Amino acid sequence: MNGREFNNFRKFALAILLFGATTALLANAVFTYSSTQSERVIEDKTPKHLPIKIKVKPEKERAVKDLSNNRWHHDLAFEVRNTGDKPIYYLYYIVDMPEVKHNGISFTFIVRYGQRSIFSEWKGLARPEDKAILPGETVVLKIPDSQADGWDKTSEIERTGQPTKLSIIFQELNFGDGTGFWGTTGAAWPVDKRVSQAMLKVSKNRVANPNERKCNQTQADSASWVCST
């Protein structure tokens, strides 16, 4: 083998080595990505200042995170603990499936405790028959069967597939006396009168923003509560 042939052979061998190294790196990257997708991710977006802690019930966690479990929503159960010093009479959460969408709109479940919302006819005022979550007490909340069954039908009809990520989004908490917190930021309620008047003024003069988040129920008593992002 002369010098020229040797140089060509060396270049060829080097190319083979580089190809092998690149293939190994790509394979490792794919493996790493697959590993991160090995279970359903659950993100708790509850504002930290609120007097509650929410988590998936430990004995249900494995089934809920199992990506091969198409009935995860029937298994899903939350433990909600009152970490404050006041009884809680009403809670409202959204379980959002941010990657599962129809026409750009994500599907959600609604999970509640109690019935007297601040924004309902009861103005968040508890009645004697209402049962509170006492300070230090923990309750278990589940997706209502009507919504879980509705998602079974919707996901089959729409062929949406099942989510690999869930977002637990806070909406409202009240103490049964007309006070509490609301919205994704956990703002205090009632709103300061001066702030409320300013918001009302802005609302009257504002042109509707098509990018604002809007929620609609597409099927009664089903999982098809959808919110645009």
Foldseek 3Di string as FASTA:
>chain_A
DDPVVVVVVVVVVVVVVVVVVVVVVVVVVVVVVVVVLQWAAEAELAAPPAQKDKDWDVVLVVLLGHLVNPLSQVSTKMKMARQDQFWWQKWKKKKWQCVQDDPQWTFIFIKMGHDQFCPDPNNLADDPPGDTQHHGRIDMIHGDPLASVQCVVVCVVVVRGDGSYIYIATAWIGRNHNWFFGDRNGHTPPDPPVVVVVVVVCVVPDDDDPQDKDWDAPDPSYRGTIIHD
